[in-house]
Amino acid sequence: MAFRAFFGPLWIIFTAGAALLLFFIVLGGSRNSTPLNEFFWLEADTSKVPGAPSLTRWTFYGICHVVDGRNANCTSNKADFGFDPIHTFGTHTGLPDDFATSRDVSIRPGVLEELVE
């Protein structure tokens, strides 16, 4: 009984914390204000891709440049913004070959890591 009395409130705190973090992830990229401009799905070095910023972050609603460690110059928000660098930047140049030709990152382990590095 003491177990439930102690851990019951703890589970509520953990659940509330998880819900808050999910809330920030979904809202990340929706506005350019703190703390929402600090949440993103993926950050990749896109300096080798022509027309792309040197560092790009994919948020729930679009892509953003990185300025002083924060999202900046984000694309206009739209729902269901997919991870597709070929269509996002309009080129295959600078992308890993396996990713650019087949878009199947399961072909060879490490393809996404090459893009992120």
PDB file of N, CA and C in Angstrom:
ATOM      1  N   MET A   1       0.814  -1.185   0.000  1.00  0.00           N
ATOM      2  CA  MET A   1       0.000   0.000   0.000  1.00  0.00           C
ATOM      3  C   MET A   1       0.868   1.264   0.000  1.00  0.00           C
ATOM      4  N   ALA A   2       1.983   1.227   0.694  1.00  0.00           N
ATOM      5  CA  ALA A   2       2.882   2.377   0.729  1.00  0.00           C
ATOM      6  C   ALA A   2       3.482   2.626  -0.655  1.00  0.00           C
ATOM      7  N   PHE A   3       3.654   1.527  -1.414  1.00  0.00           N
ATOM      8  CA  PHE A   3       4.180   1.635  -2.763  1.00  0.00           C
ATOM      9  C   PHE A   3       3.264   2.513  -3.618  1.00  0.00           C
ATOM     10  N   ARG A   4       1.983   2.233  -3.585  1.00  0.00           N
ATOM     11  CA  ARG A   4       1.009   2.998  -4.376  1.00  0.00           C
ATOM     12  C   ARG A   4       0.924   4.440  -3.895  1.00  0.00           C
ATOM     13  N   ALA A   5       0.991   4.654  -2.626  1.00  0.00           N
ATOM     14  CA  ALA A   5       0.888   6.011  -2.093  1.00  0.00           C
ATOM     15  C   ALA A   5       2.078   6.873  -2.534  1.00  0.00           C
ATOM     16  N   PHE A   6       3.249   6.248  -2.645  1.00  0.00           N
ATOM     17  CA  PHE A   6       4.434   6.995  -3.043  1.00  0.00           C
ATOM     18  C   PHE A   6       4.514   7.177  -4.559  1.00  0.00           C
ATOM     19  N   PHE A   7       4.306   6.083  -5.308  1.00  0.00           N
ATOM     20  CA  PHE A   7       4.507   6.131  -6.751  1.00  0.00           C
ATOM     21  C   PHE A   7       3.294   6.628  -7.530  1.00  0.00           C
ATOM     22  N   GLY A   8       2.124   6.652  -6.948  1.00  0.00           N
ATOM     23  CA  GLY A   8       0.942   7.162  -7.645  1.00  0.00           C
ATOM     24  C   GLY A   8       1.120   8.585  -8.146  1.00  0.00           C
ATOM     25  N   PRO A   9       1.475   9.530  -7.271  1.00  0.00           N
ATOM     26  CA  PRO A   9       1.706  10.907  -7.733  1.00  0.00           C
ATOM     27  C   PRO A   9       2.896  11.016  -8.694  1.00  0.00           C
ATOM     28  N   LEU A  10       3.876  10.159  -8.516  1.00  0.00           N
ATOM     29  CA  LEU A  10       5.038  10.184  -9.396  1.00  0.00           C
ATOM     30  C   LEU A  10       4.647   9.852 -10.830  1.00  0.00           C
ATOM     31  N   TRP A  11       3.776   8.869 -11.013  1.00  0.00           N
ATOM     32  CA  TRP A  11       3.317   8.511 -12.359  1.00  0.00           C
ATOM     33  C   TRP A  11       2.536   9.661 -12.991  1.00  0.00           C
ATOM     34  N   ILE A  12       1.772  10.373 -12.196  1.00  0.00           N
ATOM     35  CA  ILE A  12       1.029  11.521 -12.713  1.00  0.00           C
ATOM     36  C   ILE A  12       1.995  12.610 -13.190  1.00  0.00           C
ATOM     37  N   ILE A  13       3.046  12.839 -12.419  1.00  0.00           N
ATOM     38  CA  ILE A  13       4.046  13.842 -12.808  1.00  0.00           C
ATOM     39  C   ILE A  13       4.743  13.429 -14.110  1.00  0.00           C
ATOM     40  N   PHE A  14       5.137  12.167 -14.230  1.00  0.00           N
ATOM     41  CA  PHE A  14       5.781  11.684 -15.457  1.00  0.00           C
ATOM     42  C   PHE A  14       4.845  11.786 -16.654  1.00  0.00           C
ATOM     43  N   THR A  15       3.590  11.428 -16.477  1.00  0.00           N
ATOM     44  CA  THR A  15       2.626  11.504 -17.572  1.00  0.00           C
ATOM     45  C   THR A  15       2.404  12.956 -17.997  1.00  0.00           C
ATOM     46  N   ALA A  16       2.299  13.854 -17.047  1.00  0.00           N
ATOM     47  CA  ALA A  16       2.135  15.274 -17.367  1.00  0.00           C
ATOM     48  C   ALA A  16       3.369  15.820 -18.089  1.00  0.00           C
ATOM     49  N   GLY A  17       4.551  15.402 -17.655  1.00  0.00           N
ATOM     50  CA  GLY A  17       5.783  15.830 -18.320  1.00  0.00           C
ATOM     51  C   GLY A  17       5.861  15.322 -19.747  1.00  0.00           C
ATOM     52  N   ALA A  18       5.479  14.072 -19.971  1.00  0.00           N
ATOM     53  CA  ALA A  18       5.490  13.512 -21.319  1.00  0.00           C
ATOM     54  C   ALA A  18       4.486  14.245 -22.211  1.00  0.00           C
ATOM     55  N   ALA A  19       3.310  14.547 -21.676  1.00  0.00           N
ATOM     56  CA  ALA A  19       2.301  15.279 -22.444  1.00  0.00           C
ATOM     57  C   ALA A  19       2.808  16.680 -22.811  1.00  0.00           C
ATOM     58  N   LEU A  20       3.489  17.329 -21.891  1.00  0.00           N
ATOM     59  CA  LEU A  20       4.041  18.658 -22.163  1.00  0.00           C
ATOM     60  C   LEU A  20       5.094  18.604 -23.266  1.00  0.00           C
ATOM     61  N   LEU A  21       5.979  17.614 -23.216  1.00  0.00           N
ATOM     62  CA  LEU A  21       7.001  17.486 -24.256  1.00  0.00           C
ATOM     63  C   LEU A  21       6.375  17.163 -25.616  1.00  0.00           C
ATOM     64  N   LEU A  22       5.361  16.330 -25.650  1.00  0.00           N
ATOM     65  CA  LEU A  22       4.648  16.062 -26.908  1.00  0.00           C
ATOM     66  C   LEU A  22       4.010  17.331 -27.450  1.00  0.00           C
ATOM     67  N   PHE A  23       3.460  18.128 -26.559  1.00  0.00           N
ATOM     68  CA  PHE A  23       2.863  19.399 -26.943  1.00  0.00           C
ATOM     69  C   PHE A  23       3.908  20.298 -27.608  1.00  0.00           C
ATOM     70  N   PHE A  24       5.105  20.391 -27.028  1.00  0.00           N
ATOM     71  CA  PHE A  24       6.164  21.214 -27.604  1.00  0.00           C
ATOM     72  C   PHE A  24       6.641  20.664 -28.946  1.00  0.00           C
ATOM     73  N   ILE A  25       6.710  19.351 -29.088  1.00  0.00           N
ATOM     74  CA  ILE A  25       7.153  18.765 -30.346  1.00  0.00           C
ATOM     75  C   ILE A  25       6.167  19.082 -31.469  1.00  0.00           C
ATOM     76  N   VAL A  26       4.873  18.937 -31.196  1.00  0.00           N
ATOM     77  CA  VAL A  26       3.864  19.220 -32.214  1.00  0.00           C
ATOM     78  C   VAL A  26       3.852  20.707 -32.560  1.00  0.00           C
ATOM     79  N   LEU A  27       4.017  21.563 -31.582  1.00  0.00           N
ATOM     80  CA  LEU A  27       4.004  22.998 -31.846  1.00  0.00           C
ATOM     81  C   LEU A  27       5.343  23.543 -32.339  1.00  0.00           C
ATOM     82  N   GLY A  28       6.403  22.758 -32.210  1.00  0.00           N
ATOM     83  CA  GLY A  28       7.713  23.210 -32.657  1.00  0.00           C
ATOM     84  C   GLY A  28       7.695  23.592 -34.120  1.00  0.00           C
ATOM     85  N   GLY A  29       8.146  24.788 -34.437  1.00  0.00           N
ATOM     86  CA  GLY A  29       8.149  25.275 -35.805  1.00  0.00           C
ATOM     87  C   GLY A  29       6.879  26.010 -36.186  1.00  0.00           C
ATOM     88  N   SER A  30       5.859  25.980 -35.340  1.00  0.00           N
ATOM     89  CA  SER A  30       4.617  26.662 -35.685  1.00  0.00           C
ATOM     90  C   SER A  30       4.734  28.171 -35.502  1.00  0.00           C
ATOM     91  N   ARG A  31       5.588  28.597 -34.599  1.00  0.00           N
ATOM     92  CA  ARG A  31       5.824  30.022 -34.359  1.00  0.00           C
ATOM     93  C   ARG A  31       7.309  30.228 -34.120  1.00  0.00           C
ATOM     94  N   ASN A  32       7.774  31.407 -34.427  1.00  0.00           N
ATOM     95  CA  ASN A  32       9.181  31.718 -34.209  1.00  0.00           C
ATOM     96  C   ASN A  32       9.342  32.467 -32.877  1.00  0.00           C
ATOM     97  N   SER A  33       9.067  31.747 -31.797  1.00  0.00           N
ATOM     98  CA  SER A  33       9.207  32.333 -30.464  1.00  0.00           C
ATOM     99  C   SER A  33       9.712  31.251 -29.504  1.00  0.00           C
ATOM    100  N   THR A  34      10.347  31.683 -28.445  1.00  0.00           N
ATOM    101  CA  THR A  34      10.874  30.755 -27.451  1.00  0.00           C
ATOM    102  C   THR A  34       9.727  30.178 -26.646  1.00  0.00           C
ATOM    103  N   PRO A  35       9.701  28.938 -26.310  1.00  0.00           N
ATOM    104  CA  PRO A  35      10.651  27.862 -26.581  1.00  0.00           C
ATOM    105  C   PRO A  35      10.342  27.088 -27.857  1.00  0.00           C
ATOM    106  N   LEU A  36       9.307  27.491 -28.598  1.00  0.00           N
ATOM    107  CA  LEU A  36       8.895  26.707 -29.764  1.00  0.00           C
ATOM    108  C   LEU A  36       9.940  26.684 -30.864  1.00  0.00           C
ATOM    109  N   ASN A  37      10.776  27.708 -30.975  1.00  0.00           N
ATOM    110  CA  ASN A  37      11.778  27.728 -32.041  1.00  0.00           C
ATOM    111  C   ASN A  37      13.030  26.919 -31.691  1.00  0.00           C
ATOM    112  N   GLU A  38      12.981  26.178 -30.610  1.00  0.00           N
ATOM    113  CA  GLU A  38      14.111  25.336 -30.229  1.00  0.00           C
ATOM    114  C   GLU A  38      13.810  23.848 -30.378  1.00  0.00           C
ATOM    115  N   PHE A  39      12.622  23.498 -30.876  1.00  0.00           N
ATOM    116  CA  PHE A  39      12.230  22.101 -31.058  1.00  0.00           C
ATOM    117  C   PHE A  39      12.219  21.766 -32.540  1.00  0.00           C
ATOM    118  N   PHE A  40      12.758  20.593 -32.891  1.00  0.00           N
ATOM    119  CA  PHE A  40      12.818  20.171 -34.284  1.00  0.00           C
ATOM    120  C   PHE A  40      12.984  18.656 -34.328  1.00  0.00           C
ATOM    121  N   TRP A  41      12.717  18.071 -35.490  1.00  0.00           N
ATOM    122  CA  TRP A  41      12.841  16.612 -35.658  1.00  0.00           C
ATOM    123  C   TRP A  41      14.261  16.213 -36.021  1.00  0.00           C
ATOM    124  N   LEU A  42      14.854  16.955 -36.946  1.00  0.00           N
ATOM    125  CA  LEU A  42      16.161  16.578 -37.470  1.00  0.00           C
ATOM    126  C   LEU A  42      16.942  17.832 -37.812  1.00  0.00           C
ATOM    127  N   GLU A  43      18.218  17.810 -37.518  1.00  0.00           N
ATOM    128  CA  GLU A  43      19.132  18.874 -37.930  1.00  0.00           C
ATOM    129  C   GLU A  43      20.195  18.243 -38.802  1.00  0.00           C
ATOM    130  N   ALA A  44      20.399  18.808 -39.996  1.00  0.00           N
ATOM    131  CA  ALA A  44      21.362  18.225 -40.925  1.00  0.00           C
ATOM    132  C   ALA A  44      22.269  19.298 -41.505  1.00  0.00           C
ATOM    133  N   ASP A  45      23.520  18.912 -41.766  1.00  0.00           N
ATOM    134  CA  ASP A  45      24.467  19.778 -42.452  1.00  0.00           C
ATOM    135  C   ASP A  45      24.136  19.721 -43.939  1.00  0.00           C
ATOM    136  N   THR A  46      23.568  20.778 -44.453  1.00  0.00           N
ATOM    137  CA  THR A  46      23.185  20.819 -45.868  1.00  0.00           C
ATOM    138  C   THR A  46      24.050  21.814 -46.631  1.00  0.00           C
ATOM    139  N   SER A  47      25.255  22.038 -46.152  1.00  0.00           N
ATOM    140  CA  SER A  47      26.145  23.010 -46.788  1.00  0.00           C
ATOM    141  C   SER A  47      26.570  22.582 -48.193  1.00  0.00           C
ATOM    142  N   LYS A  48      26.531  21.295 -48.500  1.00  0.00           N
ATOM    143  CA  LYS A  48      26.918  20.816 -49.828  1.00  0.00           C
ATOM    144  C   LYS A  48      25.760  20.848 -50.820  1.00  0.00           C
ATOM    145  N   VAL A  49      24.569  21.189 -50.357  1.00  0.00           N
ATOM    146  CA  VAL A  49      23.393  21.232 -51.218  1.00  0.00           C
ATOM    147  C   VAL A  49      23.214  22.662 -51.713  1.00  0.00           C
ATOM    148  N   PRO A  50      23.261  22.878 -53.043  1.00  0.00           N
ATOM    149  CA  PRO A  50      23.122  24.239 -53.563  1.00  0.00           C
ATOM    150  C   PRO A  50      21.756  24.834 -53.211  1.00  0.00           C
ATOM    151  N   GLY A  51      21.763  26.082 -52.775  1.00  0.00           N
ATOM    152  CA  GLY A  51      20.529  26.772 -52.450  1.00  0.00           C
ATOM    153  C   GLY A  51      19.987  26.475 -51.065  1.00  0.00           C
ATOM    154  N   ALA A  52      20.649  25.618 -50.328  1.00  0.00           N
ATOM    155  CA  ALA A  52      20.208  25.266 -48.977  1.00  0.00           C
ATOM    156  C   ALA A  52      21.076  26.006 -47.963  1.00  0.00           C
ATOM    157  N   PRO A  53      20.528  26.254 -46.782  1.00  0.00           N
ATOM    158  CA  PRO A  53      21.371  26.856 -45.737  1.00  0.00           C
ATOM    159  C   PRO A  53      22.436  25.861 -45.291  1.00  0.00           C
ATOM    160  N   SER A  54      23.455  26.339 -44.621  1.00  0.00           N
ATOM    161  CA  SER A  54      24.522  25.430 -44.186  1.00  0.00           C
ATOM    162  C   SER A  54      24.034  24.417 -43.165  1.00  0.00           C
ATOM    163  N   LEU A  55      23.050  24.794 -42.369  1.00  0.00           N
ATOM    164  CA  LEU A  55      22.465  23.902 -41.376  1.00  0.00           C
ATOM    165  C   LEU A  55      20.952  24.040 -41.472  1.00  0.00           C
ATOM    166  N   THR A  56      20.259  22.918 -41.640  1.00  0.00           N
ATOM    167  CA  THR A  56      18.807  22.934 -41.811  1.00  0.00           C
ATOM    168  C   THR A  56      18.156  22.086 -40.741  1.00  0.00           C
ATOM    169  N   ARG A  57      17.029  22.572 -40.219  1.00  0.00           N
ATOM    170  CA  ARG A  57      16.243  21.816 -39.238  1.00  0.00           C
ATOM    171  C   ARG A  57      14.866  21.534 -39.823  1.00  0.00           C
ATOM    172  N   TRP A  58      14.443  20.273 -39.705  1.00  0.00           N
ATOM    173  CA  TRP A  58      13.101  19.889 -40.103  1.00  0.00           C
ATOM    174  C   TRP A  58      12.215  19.937 -38.867  1.00  0.00           C
ATOM    175  N   THR A  59      11.157  20.738 -38.935  1.00  0.00           N
ATOM    176  CA  THR A  59      10.200  20.819 -37.849  1.00  0.00           C
ATOM    177  C   THR A  59       8.934  20.079 -38.272  1.00  0.00           C
ATOM    178  N   PHE A  60       7.930  20.134 -37.448  1.00  0.00           N
ATOM    179  CA  PHE A  60       6.669  19.462 -37.740  1.00  0.00           C
ATOM    180  C   PHE A  60       5.970  20.088 -38.939  1.00  0.00           C
ATOM    181  N   TYR A  61       6.233  21.375 -39.207  1.00  0.00           N
ATOM    182  CA  TYR A  61       5.506  22.108 -40.241  1.00  0.00           C
ATOM    183  C   TYR A  61       6.360  22.615 -41.390  1.00  0.00           C
ATOM    184  N   GLY A  62       7.647  22.427 -41.379  1.00  0.00           N
ATOM    185  CA  GLY A  62       8.481  22.929 -42.460  1.00  0.00           C
ATOM    186  C   GLY A  62       9.951  22.788 -42.132  1.00  0.00           C
ATOM    187  N   ILE A  63      10.766  23.559 -42.848  1.00  0.00           N
ATOM    188  CA  ILE A  63      12.208  23.564 -42.576  1.00  0.00           C
ATOM    189  C   ILE A  63      12.625  24.963 -42.140  1.00  0.00           C
ATOM    190  N   CYS A  64      13.700  25.000 -41.366  1.00  0.00           N
ATOM    191  CA  CYS A  64      14.204  26.276 -40.859  1.00  0.00           C
ATOM    192  C   CYS A  64      15.719  26.319 -40.998  1.00  0.00           C
ATOM    193  N   HIS A  65      16.255  27.516 -41.209  1.00  0.00           N
ATOM    194  CA  HIS A  65      17.690  27.746 -41.107  1.00  0.00           C
ATOM    195  C   HIS A  65      18.021  27.800 -39.623  1.00  0.00           C
ATOM    196  N   VAL A  66      19.282  27.690 -39.295  1.00  0.00           N
ATOM    197  CA  VAL A  66      19.713  27.785 -37.898  1.00  0.00           C
ATOM    198  C   VAL A  66      20.562  29.039 -37.742  1.00  0.00           C
ATOM    199  N   VAL A  67      20.134  29.927 -36.850  1.00  0.00           N
ATOM    200  CA  VAL A  67      20.865  31.156 -36.559  1.00  0.00           C
ATOM    201  C   VAL A  67      21.008  31.250 -35.042  1.00  0.00           C
ATOM    202  N   ASP A  68      22.243  31.297 -34.567  1.00  0.00           N
ATOM    203  CA  ASP A  68      22.534  31.373 -33.124  1.00  0.00           C
ATOM    204  C   ASP A  68      21.868  30.237 -32.354  1.00  0.00           C
ATOM    205  N   GLY A  69      21.829  29.052 -32.937  1.00  0.00           N
ATOM    206  CA  GLY A  69      21.278  27.880 -32.261  1.00  0.00           C
ATOM    207  C   GLY A  69      19.761  27.820 -32.215  1.00  0.00           C
ATOM    208  N   ARG A  70      19.083  28.698 -32.939  1.00  0.00           N
ATOM    209  CA  ARG A  70      17.619  28.719 -32.940  1.00  0.00           C
ATOM    210  C   ARG A  70      17.099  28.646 -34.367  1.00  0.00           C
ATOM    211  N   ASN A  71      15.860  28.214 -34.512  1.00  0.00           N
ATOM    212  CA  ASN A  71      15.214  28.184 -35.819  1.00  0.00           C
ATOM    213  C   ASN A  71      15.008  29.610 -36.313  1.00  0.00           C
ATOM    214  N   ALA A  72      15.307  29.835 -37.599  1.00  0.00           N
ATOM    215  CA  ALA A  72      15.118  31.158 -38.199  1.00  0.00           C
ATOM    216  C   ALA A  72      14.814  30.972 -39.678  1.00  0.00           C
ATOM    217  N   ASN A  73      14.204  31.958 -40.286  1.00  0.00           N
ATOM    218  CA  ASN A  73      13.887  31.931 -41.720  1.00  0.00           C
ATOM    219  C   ASN A  73      13.159  30.648 -42.108  1.00  0.00           C
ATOM    220  N   CYS A  74      12.163  30.276 -41.328  1.00  0.00           N
ATOM    221  CA  CYS A  74      11.413  29.046 -41.595  1.00  0.00           C
ATOM    222  C   CYS A  74      10.519  29.201 -42.820  1.00  0.00           C
ATOM    223  N   THR A  75      10.262  28.082 -43.480  1.00  0.00           N
ATOM    224  CA  THR A  75       9.319  28.103 -44.595  1.00  0.00           C
ATOM    225  C   THR A  75       7.922  28.365 -44.043  1.00  0.00           C
ATOM    226  N   SER A  76       7.002  28.693 -44.917  1.00  0.00           N
ATOM    227  CA  SER A  76       5.632  28.895 -44.448  1.00  0.00           C
ATOM    228  C   SER A  76       5.098  27.572 -43.909  1.00  0.00           C
ATOM    229  N   ASN A  77       4.313  27.665 -42.874  1.00  0.00           N
ATOM    230  CA  ASN A  77       3.808  26.470 -42.201  1.00  0.00           C
ATOM    231  C   ASN A  77       2.765  25.765 -43.048  1.00  0.00           C
ATOM    232  N   LYS A  78       2.905  24.458 -43.114  1.00  0.00           N
ATOM    233  CA  LYS A  78       1.882  23.637 -43.738  1.00  0.00           C
ATOM    234  C   LYS A  78       1.904  22.277 -43.055  1.00  0.00           C
ATOM    235  N   ALA A  79       0.753  21.696 -42.958  1.00  0.00           N
ATOM    236  CA  ALA A  79       0.641  20.401 -42.273  1.00  0.00           C
ATOM    237  C   ALA A  79       1.273  19.296 -43.109  1.00  0.00           C
ATOM    238  N   ASP A  80       1.719  18.261 -42.417  1.00  0.00           N
ATOM    239  CA  ASP A  80       2.272  17.081 -43.063  1.00  0.00           C
ATOM    240  C   ASP A  80       3.442  17.400 -43.970  1.00  0.00           C
ATOM    241  N   PHE A  81       4.398  18.146 -43.457  1.00  0.00           N
ATOM    242  CA  PHE A  81       5.602  18.480 -44.208  1.00  0.00           C
ATOM    243  C   PHE A  81       6.547  17.291 -44.123  1.00  0.00           C
ATOM    244  N   GLY A  82       6.788  16.643 -45.233  1.00  0.00           N
ATOM    245  CA  GLY A  82       7.588  15.425 -45.246  1.00  0.00           C
ATOM    246  C   GLY A  82       9.079  15.677 -45.290  1.00  0.00           C
ATOM    247  N   PHE A  83       9.832  14.658 -44.958  1.00  0.00           N
ATOM    248  CA  PHE A  83      11.287  14.717 -45.032  1.00  0.00           C
ATOM    249  C   PHE A  83      11.677  14.285 -46.434  1.00  0.00           C
ATOM    250  N   ASP A  84      11.867  15.247 -47.313  1.00  0.00           N
ATOM    251  CA  ASP A  84      12.216  14.973 -48.694  1.00  0.00           C
ATOM    252  C   ASP A  84      13.154  16.063 -49.205  1.00  0.00           C
ATOM    253  N   PRO A  85      14.455  15.935 -48.919  1.00  0.00           N
ATOM    254  CA  PRO A  85      15.395  16.981 -49.319  1.00  0.00           C
ATOM    255  C   PRO A  85      15.433  17.234 -50.828  1.00  0.00           C
ATOM    256  N   ILE A  86      15.145  16.213 -51.628  1.00  0.00           N
ATOM    257  CA  ILE A  86      15.191  16.391 -53.078  1.00  0.00           C
ATOM    258  C   ILE A  86      14.135  17.409 -53.516  1.00  0.00           C
ATOM    259  N   HIS A  87      12.919  17.282 -53.022  1.00  0.00           N
ATOM    260  CA  HIS A  87      11.873  18.241 -53.369  1.00  0.00           C
ATOM    261  C   HIS A  87      12.015  19.547 -52.588  1.00  0.00           C
ATOM    262  N   THR A  88      12.503  19.466 -51.383  1.00  0.00           N
ATOM    263  CA  THR A  88      12.656  20.671 -50.568  1.00  0.00           C
ATOM    264  C   THR A  88      13.655  21.636 -51.186  1.00  0.00           C
ATOM    265  N   PHE A  89      14.804  21.124 -51.633  1.00  0.00           N
ATOM    266  CA  PHE A  89      15.854  21.977 -52.179  1.00  0.00           C
ATOM    267  C   PHE A  89      15.904  21.955 -53.702  1.00  0.00           C
ATOM    268  N   GLY A  90      15.149  21.064 -54.329  1.00  0.00           N
ATOM    269  CA  GLY A  90      15.071  21.026 -55.787  1.00  0.00           C
ATOM    270  C   GLY A  90      16.311  20.500 -56.479  1.00  0.00           C
ATOM    271  N   THR A  91      17.089  19.657 -55.817  1.00  0.00           N
ATOM    272  CA  THR A  91      18.307  19.125 -56.428  1.00  0.00           C
ATOM    273  C   THR A  91      18.709  17.812 -55.756  1.00  0.00           C
ATOM    274  N   HIS A  92      19.494  17.014 -56.498  1.00  0.00           N
ATOM    275  CA  HIS A  92      20.095  15.791 -55.947  1.00  0.00           C
ATOM    276  C   HIS A  92      21.519  16.067 -55.468  1.00  0.00           C
ATOM    277  N   THR A  93      22.082  17.194 -55.885  1.00  0.00           N
ATOM    278  CA  THR A  93      23.472  17.530 -55.582  1.00  0.00           C
ATOM    279  C   THR A  93      23.688  17.656 -54.079  1.00  0.00           C
ATOM    280  N   GLY A  94      24.752  17.005 -53.594  1.00  0.00           N
ATOM    281  CA  GLY A  94      25.121  17.107 -52.195  1.00  0.00           C
ATOM    282  C   GLY A  94      24.438  16.103 -51.286  1.00  0.00           C
ATOM    283  N   LEU A  95      23.528  15.294 -51.830  1.00  0.00           N
ATOM    284  CA  LEU A  95      22.851  14.276 -51.025  1.00  0.00           C
ATOM    285  C   LEU A  95      23.566  12.940 -51.192  1.00  0.00           C
ATOM    286  N   PRO A  96      23.506  12.063 -50.182  1.00  0.00           N
ATOM    287  CA  PRO A  96      24.100  10.729 -50.341  1.00  0.00           C
ATOM    288  C   PRO A  96      23.479  10.013 -51.539  1.00  0.00           C
ATOM    289  N   ASP A  97      24.294   9.289 -52.301  1.00  0.00           N
ATOM    290  CA  ASP A  97      23.837   8.651 -53.539  1.00  0.00           C
ATOM    291  C   ASP A  97      22.647   7.728 -53.326  1.00  0.00           C
ATOM    292  N   ASP A  98      22.718   6.855 -52.309  1.00  0.00           N
ATOM    293  CA  ASP A  98      21.604   5.923 -52.074  1.00  0.00           C
ATOM    294  C   ASP A  98      20.312   6.665 -51.783  1.00  0.00           C
ATOM    295  N   PHE A  99      20.406   7.734 -51.067  1.00  0.00           N
ATOM    296  CA  PHE A  99      19.214   8.503 -50.711  1.00  0.00           C
ATOM    297  C   PHE A  99      18.670   9.245 -51.929  1.00  0.00           C
ATOM    298  N   ALA A 100      19.562   9.800 -52.735  1.00  0.00           N
ATOM    299  CA  ALA A 100      19.137  10.601 -53.882  1.00  0.00           C
ATOM    300  C   ALA A 100      18.560   9.759 -55.007  1.00  0.00           C
ATOM    301  N   THR A 101      19.054   8.539 -55.188  1.00  0.00           N
ATOM    302  CA  THR A 101      18.587   7.737 -56.317  1.00  0.00           C
ATOM    303  C   THR A 101      17.364   6.897 -56.004  1.00  0.00           C
ATOM    304  N   SER A 102      17.278   6.348 -54.819  1.00  0.00           N
ATOM    305  CA  SER A 102      16.142   5.462 -54.532  1.00  0.00           C
ATOM    306  C   SER A 102      15.269   5.952 -53.385  1.00  0.00           C
ATOM    307  N   ARG A 103      15.776   6.883 -52.584  1.00  0.00           N
ATOM    308  CA  ARG A 103      15.073   7.402 -51.403  1.00  0.00           C
ATOM    309  C   ARG A 103      14.762   6.304 -50.398  1.00  0.00           C
ATOM    310  N   ASP A 104      15.411   5.171 -50.534  1.00  0.00           N
ATOM    311  CA  ASP A 104      15.215   4.060 -49.602  1.00  0.00           C
ATOM    312  C   ASP A 104      16.427   4.021 -48.688  1.00  0.00           C
ATOM    313  N   VAL A 105      16.307   4.624 -47.520  1.00  0.00           N
ATOM    314  CA  VAL A 105      17.441   4.707 -46.614  1.00  0.00           C
ATOM    315  C   VAL A 105      17.767   3.373 -45.966  1.00  0.00           C
ATOM    316  N   SER A 106      16.944   2.355 -46.227  1.00  0.00           N
ATOM    317  CA  SER A 106      17.229   1.045 -45.654  1.00  0.00           C
ATOM    318  C   SER A 106      18.197   0.250 -46.526  1.00  0.00           C
ATOM    319  N   ILE A 107      18.595   0.790 -47.671  1.00  0.00           N
ATOM    320  CA  ILE A 107      19.506   0.082 -48.569  1.00  0.00           C
ATOM    321  C   ILE A 107      20.834  -0.189 -47.881  1.00  0.00           C
ATOM    322  N   ARG A 108      21.375   0.819 -47.276  1.00  0.00           N
ATOM    323  CA  ARG A 108      22.688   0.690 -46.648  1.00  0.00           C
ATOM    324  C   ARG A 108      22.654   1.420 -45.316  1.00  0.00           C
ATOM    325  N   PRO A 109      23.045   0.744 -44.244  1.00  0.00           N
ATOM    326  CA  PRO A 109      23.077   1.427 -42.944  1.00  0.00           C
ATOM    327  C   PRO A 109      24.004   2.633 -42.992  1.00  0.00           C
ATOM    328  N   GLY A 110      23.589   3.698 -42.372  1.00  0.00           N
ATOM    329  CA  GLY A 110      24.426   4.883 -42.287  1.00  0.00           C
ATOM    330  C   GLY A 110      24.121   5.963 -43.295  1.00  0.00           C
ATOM    331  N   VAL A 111      23.143   5.757 -44.183  1.00  0.00           N
ATOM    332  CA  VAL A 111      22.848   6.760 -45.199  1.00  0.00           C
ATOM    333  C   VAL A 111      22.334   8.040 -44.558  1.00  0.00           C
ATOM    334  N   LEU A 112      21.421   7.925 -43.613  1.00  0.00           N
ATOM    335  CA  LEU A 112      20.925   9.128 -42.941  1.00  0.00           C
ATOM    336  C   LEU A 112      22.010   9.784 -42.121  1.00  0.00           C
ATOM    337  N   GLU A 113      22.906   9.001 -41.548  1.00  0.00           N
ATOM    338  CA  GLU A 113      23.989   9.572 -40.771  1.00  0.00           C
ATOM    339  C   GLU A 113      24.897  10.415 -41.662  1.00  0.00           C
ATOM    340  N   GLU A 114      25.077  10.008 -42.935  1.00  0.00           N
ATOM    341  CA  GLU A 114      25.883  10.793 -43.857  1.00  0.00           C
ATOM    342  C   GLU A 114      25.249  12.153 -44.090  1.00  0.00           C
ATOM    343  N   LEU A 115      23.919  12.190 -44.173  1.00  0.00           N
ATOM    344  CA  LEU A 115      23.225  13.451 -44.382  1.00  0.00           C
ATOM    345  C   LEU A 115      23.310  14.331 -43.145  1.00  0.00           C
ATOM    346  N   VAL A 116      23.242  13.728 -41.973  1.00  0.00           N
ATOM    347  CA  VAL A 116      23.247  14.488 -40.728  1.00  0.00           C
ATOM    348  C   VAL A 116      24.643  15.017 -40.407  1.00  0.00           C
ATOM    349  N   GLU A 117      25.679  14.304 -40.796  1.00  0.00           N
ATOM    350  CA  GLU A 117      27.054  14.727 -40.463  1.00  0.00           C
ATOM    351  C   GLU A 117      27.415  15.994 -41.121  1.00  0.00           C
TER     352      GLU A 117
END
